[in-house]
Amino acid sequence: MAKNPFPKARVKTVTVGGVRFGGGALALIAGPCVIESRTMALDLAARLAALARREKIPLVFKASYDKANRTSIGAFRGPGLAKGLEILAEIKAKHRVPILVDVHQVGEVAAAAEVADILQLPAFLCRQTDLVVALGESGRVVNIKKGQFLAPWDVRHVIDKVVSTGNRRILLTERGASFGYNNLVADMRSLLVMRQFGYPVVFDATHSVQLPGGRESGTGGDGRWAPYLSRAAVAAGCDGLFWETHRNPAQAQSDRDNALPLAALAPLWRQCRRIHELV
């Protein structure tokens, strides 16, 4: 038999709130792009938690308190730091799920770390050294989202910045690469490249189908492709999936074109889990 040209990397296992990334596990990060209201976030979290129990999904709940990187000055950003973290703390206490939130400013890291189990480094900010170091110093798991402009092998420099703080609790997330104007392409090779650094790799299917700035005053996308890319990423050997979801994506106040309908999650997860077991 021919030697495997892409031997599976020895990946550190990162465990947060009972959810394991790496070590042969497949985990799911899911939730709305942004907290639209307390009622909306609590309702969606309850439905996701129930789905996770029913389907035995290792779930991390994701939602943003502030979307600081919107295309338009008039776009909805969320409830803000204090109110948003209050809502996320309520979700965490009620449903006992780990929480992931993205942080855009150094001054928000300490407050976010008091609530969230995973602090996410936004793709657009992945080279902001002060922010990267502050996230590492928080002691929380740091989810590095690879910038759309970054080659997968260059993620090692971002990793080094986090590791310089003594924090090795790191996830790496692929979310597509810039492909001309207003378009992204998901290169499955990047999952293999980043996995060689020894940290669990997550595939963000819903952001990978974005069309940045593709609308006249906002970001577009095509969520129809997300299930196909999810299955391909699991077949390639990723350690987790990242799905933004909404009960009615057409009414979502952020990422409406690429979010997965909540009703689609269970069958898609079953497919991905079977592929993962086969691989």
C-alpha atoms as a PDB file:
ATOM      1  CA  MET A   1       0.000   0.000   0.000  1.00  0.00           C
ATOM      2  CA  ALA A   2       1.279   3.488  -0.894  1.00  0.00           C
ATOM      3  CA  LYS A   3       2.407   5.710   1.966  1.00  0.00           C
ATOM      4  CA  ASN A   4      -0.155   8.335   2.991  1.00  0.00           C
ATOM      5  CA  PRO A   5       1.218  11.683   1.676  1.00  0.00           C
ATOM      6  CA  PHE A   6      -0.760  13.535   4.346  1.00  0.00           C
ATOM      7  CA  PRO A   7      -0.211  11.668   7.623  1.00  0.00           C
ATOM      8  CA  LYS A   8      -2.619  12.660  10.349  1.00  0.00           C
ATOM      9  CA  ALA A   9      -0.999  15.194  12.649  1.00  0.00           C
ATOM     10  CA  ARG A  10      -0.633  14.616  16.381  1.00  0.00           C
ATOM     11  CA  VAL A  11      -3.155  17.149  17.633  1.00  0.00           C
ATOM     12  CA  LYS A  12      -3.501  18.414  21.178  1.00  0.00           C
ATOM     13  CA  THR A  13      -6.903  17.776  22.711  1.00  0.00           C
ATOM     14  CA  VAL A  14      -8.694  20.916  23.872  1.00  0.00           C
ATOM     15  CA  THR A  15     -11.571  20.303  26.259  1.00  0.00           C
ATOM     16  CA  VAL A  16     -13.953  23.009  27.372  1.00  0.00           C
ATOM     17  CA  GLY A  17     -17.042  22.416  29.498  1.00  0.00           C
ATOM     18  CA  GLY A  18     -17.059  18.735  28.613  1.00  0.00           C
ATOM     19  CA  VAL A  19     -16.810  19.410  24.875  1.00  0.00           C
ATOM     20  CA  ARG A  20     -13.680  17.932  23.319  1.00  0.00           C
ATOM     21  CA  PHE A  21     -11.904  19.173  20.205  1.00  0.00           C
ATOM     22  CA  GLY A  22      -9.296  16.772  18.841  1.00  0.00           C
ATOM     23  CA  GLY A  23      -8.534  13.278  20.047  1.00  0.00           C
ATOM     24  CA  GLY A  24     -10.880  11.733  17.501  1.00  0.00           C
ATOM     25  CA  ALA A  25     -13.882  13.820  18.524  1.00  0.00           C
ATOM     26  CA  LEU A  26     -16.068  16.008  16.313  1.00  0.00           C
ATOM     27  CA  ALA A  27     -17.581  19.046  18.064  1.00  0.00           C
ATOM     28  CA  LEU A  28     -20.035  21.707  16.954  1.00  0.00           C
ATOM     29  CA  ILE A  29     -19.958  25.462  17.504  1.00  0.00           C
ATOM     30  CA  ALA A  30     -23.371  26.907  16.663  1.00  0.00           C
ATOM     31  CA  GLY A  31     -25.552  29.915  17.319  1.00  0.00           C
ATOM     32  CA  PRO A  32     -26.661  33.207  15.822  1.00  0.00           C
ATOM     33  CA  CYS A  33     -24.253  35.686  14.302  1.00  0.00           C
ATOM     34  CA  VAL A  34     -25.350  38.345  16.759  1.00  0.00           C
ATOM     35  CA  ILE A  35     -27.644  38.606  19.785  1.00  0.00           C
ATOM     36  CA  GLU A  36     -30.697  40.326  18.354  1.00  0.00           C
ATOM     37  CA  SER A  37     -32.570  40.396  21.667  1.00  0.00           C
ATOM     38  CA  ARG A  38     -32.627  38.534  24.962  1.00  0.00           C
ATOM     39  CA  THR A  39     -35.778  36.657  23.901  1.00  0.00           C
ATOM     40  CA  MET A  40     -34.314  35.613  20.567  1.00  0.00           C
ATOM     41  CA  ALA A  41     -30.994  34.445  22.050  1.00  0.00           C
ATOM     42  CA  LEU A  42     -32.578  32.496  24.915  1.00  0.00           C
ATOM     43  CA  ASP A  43     -35.081  30.830  22.585  1.00  0.00           C
ATOM     44  CA  LEU A  44     -32.426  29.774  20.082  1.00  0.00           C
ATOM     45  CA  ALA A  45     -30.087  28.592  22.839  1.00  0.00           C
ATOM     46  CA  ALA A  46     -32.868  26.472  24.365  1.00  0.00           C
ATOM     47  CA  ARG A  47     -33.585  24.870  20.998  1.00  0.00           C
ATOM     48  CA  LEU A  48     -29.920  24.202  20.315  1.00  0.00           C
ATOM     49  CA  ALA A  49     -29.394  22.731  23.781  1.00  0.00           C
ATOM     50  CA  ALA A  50     -32.400  20.443  23.300  1.00  0.00           C
ATOM     51  CA  LEU A  51     -31.080  19.391  19.901  1.00  0.00           C
ATOM     52  CA  ALA A  52     -27.656  18.676  21.403  1.00  0.00           C
ATOM     53  CA  ARG A  53     -29.182  16.454  24.084  1.00  0.00           C
ATOM     54  CA  ARG A  54     -31.370  14.609  21.591  1.00  0.00           C
ATOM     55  CA  GLU A  55     -28.647  14.058  18.992  1.00  0.00           C
ATOM     56  CA  LYS A  56     -25.776  13.730  21.503  1.00  0.00           C
ATOM     57  CA  ILE A  57     -23.937  16.681  19.944  1.00  0.00           C
ATOM     58  CA  PRO A  58     -20.915  18.129  21.789  1.00  0.00           C
ATOM     59  CA  LEU A  59     -22.137  21.735  21.524  1.00  0.00           C
ATOM     60  CA  VAL A  60     -20.573  25.135  22.117  1.00  0.00           C
ATOM     61  CA  PHE A  61     -23.042  28.021  21.905  1.00  0.00           C
ATOM     62  CA  LYS A  62     -21.811  30.988  19.898  1.00  0.00           C
ATOM     63  CA  ALA A  63     -23.222  34.520  19.723  1.00  0.00           C
ATOM     64  CA  SER A  64     -21.763  38.019  19.463  1.00  0.00           C
ATOM     65  CA  TYR A  65     -22.561  40.913  21.780  1.00  0.00           C
ATOM     66  CA  ASP A  66     -21.190  43.375  19.236  1.00  0.00           C
ATOM     67  CA  LYS A  67     -20.466  42.967  15.537  1.00  0.00           C
ATOM     68  CA  ALA A  68     -17.829  45.649  15.207  1.00  0.00           C
ATOM     69  CA  ASN A  69     -16.907  44.783  11.615  1.00  0.00           C
ATOM     70  CA  ARG A  70     -20.196  45.467   9.822  1.00  0.00           C
ATOM     71  CA  THR A  71     -20.047  46.787   6.266  1.00  0.00           C
ATOM     72  CA  SER A  72     -22.365  49.753   6.791  1.00  0.00           C
ATOM     73  CA  ILE A  73     -22.386  52.390   9.539  1.00  0.00           C
ATOM     74  CA  GLY A  74     -26.116  51.791   9.900  1.00  0.00           C
ATOM     75  CA  ALA A  75     -25.955  48.006  10.258  1.00  0.00           C
ATOM     76  CA  PHE A  76     -27.226  46.357  13.447  1.00  0.00           C
ATOM     77  CA  ARG A  77     -24.365  45.562  15.832  1.00  0.00           C
ATOM     78  CA  GLY A  78     -25.979  43.933  18.850  1.00  0.00           C
ATOM     79  CA  PRO A  79     -26.787  44.831  22.454  1.00  0.00           C
ATOM     80  CA  GLY A  80     -23.226  45.780  23.410  1.00  0.00           C
ATOM     81  CA  LEU A  81     -20.717  44.361  25.869  1.00  0.00           C
ATOM     82  CA  ALA A  82     -22.518  44.611  29.217  1.00  0.00           C
ATOM     83  CA  LYS A  83     -26.005  43.566  28.114  1.00  0.00           C
ATOM     84  CA  GLY A  84     -24.698  40.936  25.718  1.00  0.00           C
ATOM     85  CA  LEU A  85     -22.529  39.245  28.332  1.00  0.00           C
ATOM     86  CA  GLU A  86     -25.429  39.309  30.761  1.00  0.00           C
ATOM     87  CA  ILE A  87     -27.535  37.386  28.247  1.00  0.00           C
ATOM     88  CA  LEU A  88     -24.738  34.920  27.513  1.00  0.00           C
ATOM     89  CA  ALA A  89     -24.200  34.320  31.237  1.00  0.00           C
ATOM     90  CA  GLU A  90     -27.901  33.544  31.580  1.00  0.00           C
ATOM     91  CA  ILE A  91     -27.717  31.062  28.691  1.00  0.00           C
ATOM     92  CA  LYS A  92     -24.646  29.398  30.178  1.00  0.00           C
ATOM     93  CA  ALA A  93     -26.233  29.029  33.604  1.00  0.00           C
ATOM     94  CA  LYS A  94     -29.571  27.802  32.293  1.00  0.00           C
ATOM     95  CA  HIS A  95     -28.402  25.332  29.663  1.00  0.00           C
ATOM     96  CA  ARG A  96     -24.916  24.442  30.943  1.00  0.00           C
ATOM     97  CA  VAL A  97     -23.275  24.839  27.549  1.00  0.00           C
ATOM     98  CA  PRO A  98     -19.844  26.343  26.928  1.00  0.00           C
ATOM     99  CA  ILE A  99     -19.965  29.833  25.421  1.00  0.00           C
ATOM    100  CA  LEU A 100     -17.906  31.276  22.567  1.00  0.00           C
ATOM    101  CA  VAL A 101     -17.820  34.983  21.831  1.00  0.00           C
ATOM    102  CA  ASP A 102     -15.688  37.113  19.544  1.00  0.00           C
ATOM    103  CA  VAL A 103     -13.742  40.017  21.020  1.00  0.00           C
ATOM    104  CA  HIS A 104     -12.700  43.035  18.964  1.00  0.00           C
ATOM    105  CA  GLN A 105     -10.888  45.208  21.502  1.00  0.00           C
ATOM    106  CA  VAL A 106      -8.246  44.639  24.163  1.00  0.00           C
ATOM    107  CA  GLY A 107     -10.362  46.507  26.699  1.00  0.00           C
ATOM    108  CA  GLU A 108     -13.171  43.949  26.390  1.00  0.00           C
ATOM    109  CA  VAL A 109     -11.081  40.826  26.974  1.00  0.00           C
ATOM    110  CA  ALA A 110     -11.282  40.712  30.782  1.00  0.00           C
ATOM    111  CA  ALA A 111     -15.052  41.130  30.908  1.00  0.00           C
ATOM    112  CA  ALA A 112     -15.640  38.600  28.113  1.00  0.00           C
ATOM    113  CA  ALA A 113     -13.354  36.077  29.841  1.00  0.00           C
ATOM    114  CA  GLU A 114     -15.518  36.186  32.965  1.00  0.00           C
ATOM    115  CA  VAL A 115     -18.430  34.720  30.988  1.00  0.00           C
ATOM    116  CA  ALA A 116     -17.152  33.002  27.843  1.00  0.00           C
ATOM    117  CA  ASP A 117     -15.225  29.726  27.786  1.00  0.00           C
ATOM    118  CA  ILE A 118     -13.761  30.406  24.346  1.00  0.00           C
ATOM    119  CA  LEU A 119     -12.616  33.841  23.210  1.00  0.00           C
ATOM    120  CA  GLN A 120     -12.561  34.203  19.465  1.00  0.00           C
ATOM    121  CA  LEU A 121      -9.990  36.218  17.557  1.00  0.00           C
ATOM    122  CA  PRO A 122     -11.877  37.713  14.582  1.00  0.00           C
ATOM    123  CA  ALA A 123     -10.456  36.882  11.160  1.00  0.00           C
ATOM    124  CA  PHE A 124     -10.062  40.544  10.202  1.00  0.00           C
ATOM    125  CA  LEU A 125      -8.033  41.141  13.394  1.00  0.00           C
ATOM    126  CA  CYS A 126      -5.846  38.045  13.428  1.00  0.00           C
ATOM    127  CA  ARG A 127      -2.660  40.110  12.975  1.00  0.00           C
ATOM    128  CA  GLN A 128      -3.454  42.613  15.745  1.00  0.00           C
ATOM    129  CA  THR A 129      -0.681  41.631  18.133  1.00  0.00           C
ATOM    130  CA  ASP A 130      -1.977  43.437  21.233  1.00  0.00           C
ATOM    131  CA  LEU A 131      -5.378  41.787  20.908  1.00  0.00           C
ATOM    132  CA  VAL A 132      -3.885  38.343  20.237  1.00  0.00           C
ATOM    133  CA  VAL A 133      -1.651  38.591  23.304  1.00  0.00           C
ATOM    134  CA  ALA A 134      -4.493  39.848  25.516  1.00  0.00           C
ATOM    135  CA  LEU A 135      -6.642  36.899  24.465  1.00  0.00           C
ATOM    136  CA  GLY A 136      -3.809  34.523  25.284  1.00  0.00           C
ATOM    137  CA  GLU A 137      -3.257  36.124  28.681  1.00  0.00           C
ATOM    138  CA  SER A 138      -6.936  35.632  29.552  1.00  0.00           C
ATOM    139  CA  GLY A 139      -6.277  31.928  30.116  1.00  0.00           C
ATOM    140  CA  ARG A 140      -9.393  31.030  28.161  1.00  0.00           C
ATOM    141  CA  VAL A 141      -9.391  28.843  25.062  1.00  0.00           C
ATOM    142  CA  VAL A 142      -8.509  31.071  22.107  1.00  0.00           C
ATOM    143  CA  ASN A 143     -10.169  30.363  18.777  1.00  0.00           C
ATOM    144  CA  ILE A 144      -7.959  31.832  16.057  1.00  0.00           C
ATOM    145  CA  LYS A 145      -9.962  32.536  12.932  1.00  0.00           C
ATOM    146  CA  LYS A 146      -7.610  32.526   9.970  1.00  0.00           C
ATOM    147  CA  GLY A 147      -7.881  35.804   8.108  1.00  0.00           C
ATOM    148  CA  GLN A 148      -9.355  35.684   4.620  1.00  0.00           C
ATOM    149  CA  PHE A 149      -6.099  37.284   3.469  1.00  0.00           C
ATOM    150  CA  LEU A 150      -3.802  34.837   5.255  1.00  0.00           C
ATOM    151  CA  ALA A 151      -2.106  31.720   3.894  1.00  0.00           C
ATOM    152  CA  PRO A 152      -2.729  28.709   6.160  1.00  0.00           C
ATOM    153  CA  TRP A 153       0.989  28.215   6.850  1.00  0.00           C
ATOM    154  CA  ASP A 154       1.228  31.803   8.117  1.00  0.00           C
ATOM    155  CA  VAL A 155      -1.155  31.007  10.978  1.00  0.00           C
ATOM    156  CA  ARG A 156       1.924  29.785  12.853  1.00  0.00           C
ATOM    157  CA  HIS A 157       2.830  33.397  13.623  1.00  0.00           C
ATOM    158  CA  VAL A 158      -0.550  33.994  15.269  1.00  0.00           C
ATOM    159  CA  ILE A 159      -0.150  30.776  17.233  1.00  0.00           C
ATOM    160  CA  ASP A 160       3.283  31.921  18.423  1.00  0.00           C
ATOM    161  CA  LYS A 161       1.779  35.141  19.790  1.00  0.00           C
ATOM    162  CA  VAL A 162      -0.752  33.222  21.879  1.00  0.00           C
ATOM    163  CA  VAL A 163       1.818  30.652  23.021  1.00  0.00           C
ATOM    164  CA  SER A 164       4.143  33.491  24.103  1.00  0.00           C
ATOM    165  CA  THR A 165       1.690  34.090  26.979  1.00  0.00           C
ATOM    166  CA  GLY A 166       1.974  30.480  28.138  1.00  0.00           C
ATOM    167  CA  ASN A 167      -1.488  29.634  26.814  1.00  0.00           C
ATOM    168  CA  ARG A 168      -1.622  26.549  24.593  1.00  0.00           C
ATOM    169  CA  ARG A 169      -5.384  26.109  24.690  1.00  0.00           C
ATOM    170  CA  ILE A 170      -5.871  27.000  21.047  1.00  0.00           C
ATOM    171  CA  LEU A 171      -8.325  26.217  18.260  1.00  0.00           C
ATOM    172  CA  LEU A 172      -7.708  27.127  14.622  1.00  0.00           C
ATOM    173  CA  THR A 173     -10.647  27.967  12.388  1.00  0.00           C
ATOM    174  CA  GLU A 174     -10.794  28.075   8.605  1.00  0.00           C
ATOM    175  CA  ARG A 175     -13.428  30.475   7.216  1.00  0.00           C
ATOM    176  CA  GLY A 176     -12.511  30.799   3.550  1.00  0.00           C
ATOM    177  CA  ALA A 177      -9.941  32.803   1.616  1.00  0.00           C
ATOM    178  CA  SER A 178     -10.421  35.907  -0.519  1.00  0.00           C
ATOM    179  CA  PHE A 179     -10.989  34.931  -4.138  1.00  0.00           C
ATOM    180  CA  GLY A 180     -11.139  38.094  -6.181  1.00  0.00           C
ATOM    181  CA  TYR A 181     -13.582  40.811  -5.188  1.00  0.00           C
ATOM    182  CA  ASN A 182     -16.606  40.008  -2.972  1.00  0.00           C
ATOM    183  CA  ASN A 183     -15.972  36.289  -2.956  1.00  0.00           C
ATOM    184  CA  LEU A 184     -14.403  33.557  -0.829  1.00  0.00           C
ATOM    185  CA  VAL A 185     -13.233  30.058  -1.611  1.00  0.00           C
ATOM    186  CA  ALA A 186     -12.841  27.201   0.870  1.00  0.00           C
ATOM    187  CA  ASP A 187      -9.548  25.399   0.303  1.00  0.00           C
ATOM    188  CA  MET A 188      -9.702  22.035   2.056  1.00  0.00           C
ATOM    189  CA  ARG A 189      -5.901  21.824   1.925  1.00  0.00           C
ATOM    190  CA  SER A 190      -5.748  24.556   4.551  1.00  0.00           C
ATOM    191  CA  LEU A 191      -7.340  22.221   7.113  1.00  0.00           C
ATOM    192  CA  LEU A 192      -4.494  19.751   6.593  1.00  0.00           C
ATOM    193  CA  VAL A 193      -1.840  22.462   6.630  1.00  0.00           C
ATOM    194  CA  MET A 194      -3.087  24.055   9.862  1.00  0.00           C
ATOM    195  CA  ARG A 195      -3.571  20.707  11.558  1.00  0.00           C
ATOM    196  CA  GLN A 196       0.179  20.099  11.215  1.00  0.00           C
ATOM    197  CA  PHE A 197       0.726  22.813  13.843  1.00  0.00           C
ATOM    198  CA  GLY A 198      -0.707  20.393  16.406  1.00  0.00           C
ATOM    199  CA  TYR A 199      -3.936  22.150  17.361  1.00  0.00           C
ATOM    200  CA  PRO A 200      -7.545  21.156  16.628  1.00  0.00           C
ATOM    201  CA  VAL A 201      -8.934  22.640  13.426  1.00  0.00           C
ATOM    202  CA  VAL A 202     -12.526  23.836  13.023  1.00  0.00           C
ATOM    203  CA  PHE A 203     -14.236  24.500   9.711  1.00  0.00           C
ATOM    204  CA  ASP A 204     -16.558  27.511   9.637  1.00  0.00           C
ATOM    205  CA  ALA A 205     -18.931  26.500   6.874  1.00  0.00           C
ATOM    206  CA  THR A 206     -21.321  29.444   7.046  1.00  0.00           C
ATOM    207  CA  HIS A 207     -18.697  32.187   6.910  1.00  0.00           C
ATOM    208  CA  SER A 208     -16.918  30.355   4.099  1.00  0.00           C
ATOM    209  CA  VAL A 209     -19.947  30.937   1.854  1.00  0.00           C
ATOM    210  CA  GLN A 210     -20.087  34.679   2.529  1.00  0.00           C
ATOM    211  CA  LEU A 211     -19.824  37.264  -0.246  1.00  0.00           C
ATOM    212  CA  PRO A 212     -18.054  40.053   1.680  1.00  0.00           C
ATOM    213  CA  GLY A 213     -19.548  43.380   0.709  1.00  0.00           C
ATOM    214  CA  GLY A 214     -21.563  41.482  -1.881  1.00  0.00           C
ATOM    215  CA  ARG A 215     -24.695  43.488  -1.211  1.00  0.00           C
ATOM    216  CA  GLU A 216     -24.952  47.170  -2.001  1.00  0.00           C
ATOM    217  CA  SER A 217     -24.517  48.072   1.675  1.00  0.00           C
ATOM    218  CA  GLY A 218     -23.674  44.787   3.327  1.00  0.00           C
ATOM    219  CA  THR A 219     -22.278  41.287   3.097  1.00  0.00           C
ATOM    220  CA  GLY A 220     -24.100  38.674   1.060  1.00  0.00           C
ATOM    221  CA  GLY A 221     -23.647  34.948   0.803  1.00  0.00           C
ATOM    222  CA  ASP A 222     -25.171  31.668  -0.292  1.00  0.00           C
ATOM    223  CA  GLY A 223     -25.947  29.289   2.559  1.00  0.00           C
ATOM    224  CA  ARG A 224     -26.963  26.544   0.144  1.00  0.00           C
ATOM    225  CA  TRP A 225     -23.293  25.603  -0.194  1.00  0.00           C
ATOM    226  CA  ALA A 226     -22.616  25.296   3.555  1.00  0.00           C
ATOM    227  CA  PRO A 227     -23.822  21.676   3.939  1.00  0.00           C
ATOM    228  CA  TYR A 228     -21.664  20.512   1.021  1.00  0.00           C
ATOM    229  CA  LEU A 229     -18.567  22.219   2.393  1.00  0.00           C
ATOM    230  CA  SER A 230     -19.286  20.873   5.891  1.00  0.00           C
ATOM    231  CA  ARG A 231     -19.338  17.305   4.628  1.00  0.00           C
ATOM    232  CA  ALA A 232     -16.155  17.864   2.621  1.00  0.00           C
ATOM    233  CA  ALA A 233     -14.353  19.351   5.639  1.00  0.00           C
ATOM    234  CA  VAL A 234     -15.293  16.422   7.858  1.00  0.00           C
ATOM    235  CA  ALA A 235     -14.081  14.022   5.161  1.00  0.00           C
ATOM    236  CA  ALA A 236     -10.790  15.956   5.078  1.00  0.00           C
ATOM    237  CA  GLY A 237     -10.401  15.398   8.818  1.00  0.00           C
ATOM    238  CA  CYS A 238     -11.418  18.545  10.712  1.00  0.00           C
ATOM    239  CA  ASP A 239     -12.035  18.405  14.474  1.00  0.00           C
ATOM    240  CA  GLY A 240     -15.079  20.633  14.637  1.00  0.00           C
ATOM    241  CA  LEU A 241     -17.705  22.485  12.640  1.00  0.00           C
ATOM    242  CA  PHE A 242     -18.895  26.058  13.018  1.00  0.00           C
ATOM    243  CA  TRP A 243     -22.449  26.829  11.890  1.00  0.00           C
ATOM    244  CA  GLU A 244     -24.231  30.115  12.331  1.00  0.00           C
ATOM    245  CA  THR A 245     -27.921  29.395  12.552  1.00  0.00           C
ATOM    246  CA  HIS A 246     -31.256  31.148  12.931  1.00  0.00           C
ATOM    247  CA  ARG A 247     -34.863  30.017  13.151  1.00  0.00           C
ATOM    248  CA  ASN A 248     -35.614  32.164  10.115  1.00  0.00           C
ATOM    249  CA  PRO A 249     -32.392  33.221   8.381  1.00  0.00           C
ATOM    250  CA  ALA A 250     -34.241  35.576   6.027  1.00  0.00           C
ATOM    251  CA  GLN A 251     -35.098  37.710   9.070  1.00  0.00           C
ATOM    252  CA  ALA A 252     -31.663  37.585  10.703  1.00  0.00           C
ATOM    253  CA  GLN A 253     -30.074  40.968  11.349  1.00  0.00           C
ATOM    254  CA  SER A 254     -26.610  39.725  10.391  1.00  0.00           C
ATOM    255  CA  ASP A 255     -25.375  37.061   7.968  1.00  0.00           C
ATOM    256  CA  ARG A 256     -28.891  36.232   6.843  1.00  0.00           C
ATOM    257  CA  ASP A 257     -27.759  34.946   3.439  1.00  0.00           C
ATOM    258  CA  ASN A 258     -25.338  32.327   4.729  1.00  0.00           C
ATOM    259  CA  ALA A 259     -26.854  31.197   8.055  1.00  0.00           C
ATOM    260  CA  LEU A 260     -28.279  27.673   8.212  1.00  0.00           C
ATOM    261  CA  PRO A 261     -31.944  27.251   9.155  1.00  0.00           C
ATOM    262  CA  LEU A 262     -32.180  25.694  12.596  1.00  0.00           C
ATOM    263  CA  ALA A 263     -34.345  22.911  11.180  1.00  0.00           C
ATOM    264  CA  ALA A 264     -31.486  21.807   8.891  1.00  0.00           C
ATOM    265  CA  LEU A 265     -28.980  21.181  11.672  1.00  0.00           C
ATOM    266  CA  ALA A 266     -30.064  17.727  12.889  1.00  0.00           C
ATOM    267  CA  PRO A 267     -29.986  15.908   9.534  1.00  0.00           C
ATOM    268  CA  LEU A 268     -26.767  17.647   8.510  1.00  0.00           C
ATOM    269  CA  TRP A 269     -25.086  16.756  11.799  1.00  0.00           C
ATOM    270  CA  ARG A 270     -26.081  13.105  11.377  1.00  0.00           C
ATOM    271  CA  GLN A 271     -24.506  13.055   7.919  1.00  0.00           C
ATOM    272  CA  CYS A 272     -21.325  14.707   9.149  1.00  0.00           C
ATOM    273  CA  ARG A 273     -21.079  12.393  12.143  1.00  0.00           C
ATOM    274  CA  ARG A 274     -21.336   9.327   9.886  1.00  0.00           C
ATOM    275  CA  ILE A 275     -18.621  10.705   7.610  1.00  0.00           C
ATOM    276  CA  HIS A 276     -16.439  11.422  10.653  1.00  0.00           C
ATOM    277  CA  GLU A 277     -16.886   7.882  11.938  1.00  0.00           C
ATOM    278  CA  LEU A 278     -15.945   6.506   8.521  1.00  0.00           C
ATOM    279  CA  VAL A 279     -12.856   8.693   8.196  1.00  0.00           C
END
